[in-house]
């Protein structure tokens, strides 16, 4: 059984094109559909670019973490002096 037969059995009619004022369009012609447009501001485009860059950046740089872990394990990493430098940078940049 075809869809058209089922549709006809329930009284469904095919879609007929109409023009803006509600009258039927000439046979073979369809009403021109207006295309919608979306414009993004420069700020939103910049934000999307930044988001893409951040998403592409790995959160944990495994190679660097492993190097530091090995240095700490074998006492080759000056933890206290680097900690104080990091804290000074955070405070001077007004992050903390």
Protein backbone atom coordinates (compact mmCIF):
# COMPACT_ATOMS: atom_id res chain seq x y z
CA UNK A 1 0.00 0.00 0.00
CA UNK A 2 1.39 3.40 -0.95
CA UNK A 3 1.49 6.46 1.25
CA UNK A 4 -0.77 8.34 -1.16
CA UNK A 5 -3.44 5.65 -0.91
CA UNK A 6 -3.33 5.76 2.88
CA UNK A 7 -3.40 9.55 2.87
CA UNK A 8 -6.38 9.58 0.46
CA UNK A 9 -8.21 7.06 2.65
CA UNK A 10 -7.99 9.47 5.59
CA UNK A 11 -8.89 12.52 3.53
CA UNK A 12 -5.42 14.06 3.49
CA UNK A 13 -4.68 16.39 0.60
CA UNK A 14 -1.30 17.29 -0.87
CA UNK A 15 0.22 20.63 0.07
CA UNK A 16 -0.66 23.36 -2.36
CA UNK A 17 1.67 26.35 -2.64
CA UNK A 18 0.20 29.70 -1.60
CA UNK A 19 1.37 33.26 -2.00
CA UNK A 20 1.62 35.79 0.83
CA UNK A 21 -1.97 37.06 0.69
CA UNK A 22 -3.33 33.53 1.23
CA UNK A 23 -4.45 32.84 -2.34
CA UNK A 24 -3.33 29.80 -4.22
CA UNK A 25 -0.23 30.13 -6.38
CA UNK A 26 -0.32 29.41 -10.08
CA UNK A 27 0.16 25.72 -10.89
CA UNK A 28 3.81 24.78 -11.17
CA UNK A 29 4.99 27.84 -9.27
CA UNK A 30 5.81 27.93 -5.62
CA UNK A 31 5.93 30.92 -3.36
CA UNK A 32 9.49 32.14 -2.92
CA UNK A 33 10.52 31.38 0.61
CA UNK A 34 12.39 34.13 2.34
CA UNK A 35 15.74 32.98 3.60
CA UNK A 36 16.59 33.77 7.16
CA UNK A 37 20.00 35.15 7.97
CA UNK A 38 21.90 35.23 11.19
CA UNK A 39 24.73 37.68 11.72
CA UNK A 40 27.25 37.24 14.49
CA UNK A 41 28.97 40.18 16.11
CA UNK A 42 32.74 40.52 16.03
CA UNK A 43 32.83 39.84 19.75
CA UNK A 44 30.94 36.56 19.41
CA UNK A 45 33.21 35.46 16.55
CA UNK A 46 36.28 36.25 18.68
CA UNK A 47 34.79 34.35 21.62
CA UNK A 48 34.15 31.32 19.42
CA UNK A 49 37.74 31.40 18.13
CA UNK A 50 39.07 31.58 21.70
CA UNK A 51 36.79 28.72 22.75
CA UNK A 52 38.05 26.59 19.85
CA UNK A 53 41.68 27.29 20.82
CA UNK A 54 41.01 26.49 24.47
CA UNK A 55 39.17 23.29 23.55
CA UNK A 56 42.10 22.22 21.36
CA UNK A 57 44.61 22.78 24.18
CA UNK A 58 45.07 19.72 26.39
CA UNK A 59 44.26 20.38 30.02
CA UNK A 60 47.21 18.39 31.30
CA UNK A 61 50.54 18.40 29.52
CA UNK A 62 51.54 14.85 30.36
CA UNK A 63 55.16 15.18 29.23
CA UNK A 64 55.83 18.18 31.48
CA UNK A 65 54.01 16.59 34.42
CA UNK A 66 56.10 13.43 34.10
CA UNK A 67 59.34 15.43 33.93
CA UNK A 68 58.46 17.36 37.08
CA UNK A 69 57.31 14.18 38.83
CA UNK A 70 60.66 12.51 38.13
CA UNK A 71 62.61 15.58 39.29
CA UNK A 72 60.59 15.69 42.53
CA UNK A 73 61.10 11.96 43.05
CA UNK A 74 64.89 12.27 42.77
CA UNK A 75 65.12 15.60 44.67
CA UNK A 76 66.09 17.54 41.56
CA UNK A 77 63.22 20.00 41.60
CA UNK A 78 63.36 23.04 43.90
CA UNK A 79 59.76 22.97 45.10
CA UNK A 80 59.83 25.81 47.61
CA UNK A 81 61.52 28.44 45.45
CA UNK A 82 59.28 27.66 42.47
CA UNK A 83 56.22 27.73 44.72
CA UNK A 84 57.09 31.19 46.01
CA UNK A 85 57.79 32.47 42.49
CA UNK A 86 54.47 31.11 41.28
CA UNK A 87 52.61 32.74 44.18
CA UNK A 88 54.37 36.07 43.55
CA UNK A 89 53.32 35.92 39.87
CA UNK A 90 49.73 35.15 40.82
CA UNK A 91 49.61 38.04 43.27
CA UNK A 92 51.39 40.53 40.98
CA UNK A 93 49.02 39.66 38.10
CA UNK A 94 46.06 40.08 40.50
CA UNK A 95 44.85 36.53 39.87
CA UNK A 96 44.69 35.71 43.59
